[in-house]
C-alpha atoms as a PDB file:
ATOM      1  CA  MET A   1     -25.385  24.961   0.933  1.00  0.00           C
ATOM      2  CA  ASN A   2     -29.130  25.336   0.322  1.00  0.00           C
ATOM      3  CA  ARG A   3     -30.915  24.717  -3.010  1.00  0.00           C
ATOM      4  CA  ILE A   4     -30.995  28.400  -4.043  1.00  0.00           C
ATOM      5  CA  GLU A   5     -27.284  28.852  -3.340  1.00  0.00           C
ATOM      6  CA  ALA A   6     -26.548  25.767  -5.481  1.00  0.00           C
ATOM      7  CA  ILE A   7     -28.613  27.173  -8.382  1.00  0.00           C
ATOM      8  CA  GLU A   8     -26.908  30.556  -8.006  1.00  0.00           C
ATOM      9  CA  ARG A   9     -23.448  28.998  -7.993  1.00  0.00           C
ATOM     10  CA  MET A  10     -24.166  26.973 -11.138  1.00  0.00           C
ATOM     11  CA  LEU A  11     -25.603  29.944 -13.044  1.00  0.00           C
ATOM     12  CA  ASN A  12     -22.825  32.310 -11.993  1.00  0.00           C
ATOM     13  CA  ALA A  13     -20.234  29.859 -13.326  1.00  0.00           C
ATOM     14  CA  LEU A  14     -21.758  29.689 -16.812  1.00  0.00           C
ATOM     15  CA  PRO A  15     -21.655  32.202 -19.670  1.00  0.00           C
ATOM     16  CA  LEU A  16     -25.326  32.530 -20.584  1.00  0.00           C
ATOM     17  CA  ARG A  17     -25.185  35.130 -23.335  1.00  0.00           C
ATOM     18  CA  ARG A  18     -26.506  33.848 -26.674  1.00  0.00           C
ATOM     19  CA  THR A  19     -27.731  30.718 -24.987  1.00  0.00           C
ATOM     20  CA  SER A  20     -30.249  28.419 -26.669  1.00  0.00           C
ATOM     21  CA  PRO A  21     -33.182  26.708 -24.945  1.00  0.00           C
ATOM     22  CA  LYS A  22     -31.412  23.342 -25.441  1.00  0.00           C
ATOM     23  CA  GLN A  23     -28.312  24.698 -23.672  1.00  0.00           C
ATOM     24  CA  LEU A  24     -30.524  25.807 -20.786  1.00  0.00           C
ATOM     25  CA  GLN A  25     -31.955  22.287 -20.647  1.00  0.00           C
ATOM     26  CA  ALA A  26     -28.425  20.866 -20.376  1.00  0.00           C
ATOM     27  CA  ILE A  27     -27.719  23.247 -17.483  1.00  0.00           C
ATOM     28  CA  MET A  28     -30.963  22.225 -15.780  1.00  0.00           C
ATOM     29  CA  ARG A  29     -30.108  18.527 -16.079  1.00  0.00           C
ATOM     30  CA  GLY A  30     -27.125  19.245 -13.821  1.00  0.00           C
ATOM     31  CA  MET A  31     -29.357  20.701 -11.105  1.00  0.00           C
ATOM     32  CA  ASP A  32     -31.238  18.865  -8.367  1.00  0.00           C
ATOM     33  CA  LEU A  33     -34.763  19.937  -9.270  1.00  0.00           C
ATOM     34  CA  SER A  34     -36.650  17.659  -6.926  1.00  0.00           C
ATOM     35  CA  LEU A  35     -40.086  18.880  -5.896  1.00  0.00           C
ATOM     36  CA  GLU A  36     -39.251  18.106  -2.263  1.00  0.00           C
ATOM     37  CA  ALA A  37     -36.248  20.436  -2.303  1.00  0.00           C
ATOM     38  CA  LEU A  38     -38.095  23.264  -4.054  1.00  0.00           C
ATOM     39  CA  SER A  39     -41.459  22.947  -2.266  1.00  0.00           C
ATOM     40  CA  PRO A  40     -40.656  25.649   0.354  1.00  0.00           C
ATOM     41  CA  TYR A  41     -40.453  28.156  -2.523  1.00  0.00           C
ATOM     42  CA  ILE A  42     -43.822  27.362  -4.143  1.00  0.00           C
ATOM     43  CA  ALA A  43     -45.926  30.552  -3.987  1.00  0.00           C
ATOM     44  CA  GLU A  44     -49.694  30.771  -4.021  1.00  0.00           C
ATOM     45  CA  PRO A  45     -51.245  33.144  -6.571  1.00  0.00           C
ATOM     46  CA  ALA A  46     -51.373  36.785  -5.452  1.00  0.00           C
ATOM     47  CA  ASP A  47     -51.295  39.542  -8.094  1.00  0.00           C
ATOM     48  CA  LEU A  48     -51.243  37.031 -10.959  1.00  0.00           C
ATOM     49  CA  PRO A  49     -53.522  34.029 -11.623  1.00  0.00           C
ATOM     50  CA  TYR A  50     -50.539  31.817 -10.724  1.00  0.00           C
ATOM     51  CA  GLY A  51     -47.785  31.796  -8.118  1.00  0.00           C
ATOM     52  CA  ARG A  52     -44.341  33.001  -9.249  1.00  0.00           C
ATOM     53  CA  THR A  53     -41.131  32.877  -7.194  1.00  0.00           C
ATOM     54  CA  SER A  54     -37.913  34.298  -8.615  1.00  0.00           C
ATOM     55  CA  LEU A  55     -35.242  32.050  -7.076  1.00  0.00           C
ATOM     56  CA  PHE A  56     -32.246  33.826  -8.599  1.00  0.00           C
ATOM     57  CA  ARG A  57     -31.814  36.751 -10.977  1.00  0.00           C
ATOM     58  CA  THR A  58     -28.939  38.563 -12.630  1.00  0.00           C
ATOM     59  CA  ASP A  59     -28.853  40.340 -15.990  1.00  0.00           C
ATOM     60  CA  ALA A  60     -27.559  37.088 -17.521  1.00  0.00           C
ATOM     61  CA  ALA A  61     -30.170  34.651 -16.163  1.00  0.00           C
ATOM     62  CA  GLU A  62     -33.259  34.143 -14.043  1.00  0.00           C
ATOM     63  CA  ALA A  63     -34.494  30.974 -12.333  1.00  0.00           C
ATOM     64  CA  VAL A  64     -38.231  30.974 -11.529  1.00  0.00           C
ATOM     65  CA  LEU A  65     -40.627  28.550  -9.861  1.00  0.00           C
ATOM     66  CA  ILE A  66     -44.200  28.707 -11.252  1.00  0.00           C
ATOM     67  CA  HIS A  67     -47.316  27.281  -9.564  1.00  0.00           C
ATOM     68  CA  LEU A  68     -50.568  27.055 -11.562  1.00  0.00           C
ATOM     69  CA  PRO A  69     -53.507  25.767  -9.520  1.00  0.00           C
ATOM     70  CA  PRO A  70     -56.111  23.646 -11.348  1.00  0.00           C
ATOM     71  CA  GLY A  71     -58.186  25.658 -13.817  1.00  0.00           C
ATOM     72  CA  THR A  72     -55.742  28.566 -14.123  1.00  0.00           C
ATOM     73  CA  GLU A  73     -53.652  29.930 -16.966  1.00  0.00           C
ATOM     74  CA  THR A  74     -51.014  32.568 -17.498  1.00  0.00           C
ATOM     75  CA  TYR A  75     -51.687  35.668 -19.514  1.00  0.00           C
ATOM     76  CA  ILE A  76     -50.756  35.440 -23.192  1.00  0.00           C
ATOM     77  CA  HIS A  77     -47.183  36.743 -23.218  1.00  0.00           C
ATOM     78  CA  ASP A  78     -43.690  36.600 -24.650  1.00  0.00           C
ATOM     79  CA  HIS A  79     -40.319  36.781 -22.909  1.00  0.00           C
ATOM     80  CA  GLY A  80     -38.832  39.756 -24.734  1.00  0.00           C
ATOM     81  CA  ALA A  81     -35.313  39.010 -25.975  1.00  0.00           C
ATOM     82  CA  SER A  82     -34.933  36.022 -23.641  1.00  0.00           C
ATOM     83  CA  VAL A  83     -35.032  32.320 -24.367  1.00  0.00           C
ATOM     84  CA  GLY A  84     -36.241  29.811 -21.825  1.00  0.00           C
ATOM     85  CA  CYS A  85     -36.437  26.196 -20.819  1.00  0.00           C
ATOM     86  CA  ALA A  86     -38.670  24.732 -18.138  1.00  0.00           C
ATOM     87  CA  ARG A  87     -39.196  21.380 -16.472  1.00  0.00           C
ATOM     88  CA  LEU A  88     -42.625  20.384 -15.237  1.00  0.00           C
ATOM     89  CA  LEU A  89     -42.083  19.024 -11.735  1.00  0.00           C
ATOM     90  CA  GLU A  90     -45.708  18.203 -10.911  1.00  0.00           C
ATOM     91  CA  GLY A  91     -49.017  17.992 -12.782  1.00  0.00           C
ATOM     92  CA  THR A  92     -49.776  18.549 -16.453  1.00  0.00           C
ATOM     93  CA  LEU A  93     -49.887  21.702 -18.585  1.00  0.00           C
ATOM     94  CA  THR A  94     -50.875  22.816 -22.057  1.00  0.00           C
ATOM     95  CA  ASN A  95     -48.485  25.204 -23.793  1.00  0.00           C
ATOM     96  CA  ARG A  96     -50.668  27.269 -26.155  1.00  0.00           C
ATOM     97  CA  MET A  97     -48.771  29.108 -28.926  1.00  0.00           C
ATOM     98  CA  PHE A  98     -50.110  32.230 -30.641  1.00  0.00           C
ATOM     99  CA  ARG A  99     -49.342  34.454 -33.608  1.00  0.00           C
ATOM    100  CA  LEU A 100     -50.536  38.026 -33.965  1.00  0.00           C
ATOM    101  CA  ASP A 101     -53.199  38.877 -36.540  1.00  0.00           C
ATOM    102  CA  GLY A 102     -53.177  42.047 -38.632  1.00  0.00           C
ATOM    103  CA  TYR A 103     -54.691  44.019 -35.742  1.00  0.00           C
ATOM    104  CA  GLY A 104     -52.152  42.837 -33.171  1.00  0.00           C
ATOM    105  CA  TYR A 105     -54.461  40.358 -31.439  1.00  0.00           C
ATOM    106  CA  PRO A 106     -53.225  36.863 -30.599  1.00  0.00           C
ATOM    107  CA  CYS A 107     -54.608  33.956 -32.640  1.00  0.00           C
ATOM    108  CA  LEU A 108     -54.094  30.405 -31.410  1.00  0.00           C
ATOM    109  CA  SER A 109     -51.655  28.612 -33.718  1.00  0.00           C
ATOM    110  CA  GLY A 110     -51.047  25.373 -31.799  1.00  0.00           C
ATOM    111  CA  GLU A 111     -51.035  23.526 -28.494  1.00  0.00           C
ATOM    112  CA  VAL A 112     -48.678  21.027 -26.905  1.00  0.00           C
ATOM    113  CA  GLU A 113     -49.519  18.878 -23.890  1.00  0.00           C
ATOM    114  CA  ILE A 114     -46.737  18.757 -21.299  1.00  0.00           C
ATOM    115  CA  GLU A 115     -46.468  15.794 -18.954  1.00  0.00           C
ATOM    116  CA  GLU A 116     -44.890  15.681 -15.528  1.00  0.00           C
ATOM    117  CA  GLY A 117     -41.099  15.355 -15.768  1.00  0.00           C
ATOM    118  CA  SER A 118     -40.965  16.832 -19.299  1.00  0.00           C
ATOM    119  CA  TYR A 119     -38.952  19.807 -20.491  1.00  0.00           C
ATOM    120  CA  TYR A 120     -40.448  22.510 -22.696  1.00  0.00           C
ATOM    121  CA  TYR A 121     -38.983  25.554 -24.415  1.00  0.00           C
ATOM    122  CA  ALA A 122     -39.662  29.248 -24.916  1.00  0.00           C
ATOM    123  CA  PRO A 123     -37.686  30.279 -27.999  1.00  0.00           C
ATOM    124  CA  LYS A 124     -37.075  33.957 -28.677  1.00  0.00           C
ATOM    125  CA  LYS A 125     -40.202  35.811 -29.862  1.00  0.00           C
ATOM    126  CA  GLN A 126     -42.558  32.950 -28.973  1.00  0.00           C
ATOM    127  CA  ILE A 127     -45.969  34.192 -27.839  1.00  0.00           C
ATOM    128  CA  HIS A 128     -47.601  31.632 -25.573  1.00  0.00           C
ATOM    129  CA  GLN A 129     -49.794  30.834 -22.611  1.00  0.00           C
ATOM    130  CA  LEU A 130     -49.538  28.012 -20.085  1.00  0.00           C
ATOM    131  CA  ARG A 131     -52.854  26.430 -19.045  1.00  0.00           C
ATOM    132  CA  ASN A 132     -53.548  23.947 -16.263  1.00  0.00           C
ATOM    133  CA  SER A 133     -56.728  22.069 -17.175  1.00  0.00           C
ATOM    134  CA  GLY A 134     -55.837  19.130 -14.938  1.00  0.00           C
ATOM    135  CA  PRO A 135     -57.297  18.176 -11.562  1.00  0.00           C
ATOM    136  CA  GLN A 136     -54.145  18.982  -9.551  1.00  0.00           C
ATOM    137  CA  ARG A 137     -51.710  21.867  -9.308  1.00  0.00           C
ATOM    138  CA  ALA A 138     -48.858  22.222 -11.775  1.00  0.00           C
ATOM    139  CA  VAL A 139     -45.389  23.277 -10.612  1.00  0.00           C
ATOM    140  CA  ALA A 140     -42.582  24.078 -13.050  1.00  0.00           C
ATOM    141  CA  PHE A 141     -38.992  25.303 -12.792  1.00  0.00           C
ATOM    142  CA  HIS A 142     -38.100  27.883 -15.483  1.00  0.00           C
ATOM    143  CA  LEU A 143     -34.689  29.134 -16.540  1.00  0.00           C
ATOM    144  CA  TYR A 144     -34.310  32.194 -18.800  1.00  0.00           C
ATOM    145  CA  ALA A 145     -31.268  33.757 -20.461  1.00  0.00           C
ATOM    146  CA  PRO A 146     -30.816  36.636 -20.391  1.00  0.00           C
ATOM    147  CA  ALA A 147     -33.183  37.507 -17.563  1.00  0.00           C
ATOM    148  CA  PRO A 148     -36.498  38.629 -19.090  1.00  0.00           C
ATOM    149  CA  ALA A 149     -36.817  42.356 -19.674  1.00  0.00           C
ATOM    150  CA  GLY A 150     -39.408  43.983 -21.857  1.00  0.00           C
ATOM    151  CA  LYS A 151     -41.847  41.094 -21.493  1.00  0.00           C
ATOM    152  CA  SER A 152     -45.081  41.800 -23.371  1.00  0.00           C
ATOM    153  CA  TYR A 153     -48.626  40.780 -22.542  1.00  0.00           C
ATOM    154  CA  PHE A 154     -51.154  40.510 -25.340  1.00  0.00           C
ATOM    155  CA  PRO A 155     -54.842  41.329 -25.028  1.00  0.00           C
ATOM    156  CA  TYR A 156     -57.300  38.683 -26.017  1.00  0.00           C
ATOM    157  CA  GLU A 157     -60.815  39.630 -26.997  1.00  0.00           C
ATOM    158  CA  GLN A 158     -63.596  37.396 -28.137  1.00  0.00           C
ATOM    159  CA  VAL A 159     -65.791  39.274 -30.532  1.00  0.00           C
ATOM    160  CA  LEU A 160     -69.424  38.241 -30.691  1.00  0.00           C
ATOM    161  CA  ASP A 161     -71.516  39.042 -33.741  1.00  0.00           C
ATOM    162  CA  TYR A 162     -75.149  39.684 -32.999  1.00  0.00           C
ATOM    163  CA  VAL A 163     -77.827  39.491 -35.662  1.00  0.00           C
ATOM    164  CA  ILE A 164     -80.521  42.054 -35.046  1.00  0.00           C
END
């Protein structure tokens, strides 16, 4: 059985409705998430500033492999009604959290540095961005429940005031 079939079998056997990020972490701890086993599925960026490979998806869950080359970041986004947990398999990342201002624009509210081997969470309604400021690529395995639908991207504008 290959790695994807093993992930699929584990996720199909579990009831993932109303699952918390910590429960997803417990599920992930039971998986073999070695970089060597998952390396054939690492995608280079194409339509997005990062590579994204959906390894398995049903309405109940989605398993995704993310590759952020050095100097790249995701768009500022949320995951709709889904919750998520991820494990950083290689590199370092910064998880940047945002809140919306009165005009609906994202304002940075905090940052957390993520080290290789660490788990990090995407609770429901979290607006965030992953940034790779390190010198090497970052590769992370993400698990969402239910599978993301209605994901939102948030515009970010820097307004410059000019004195004339």
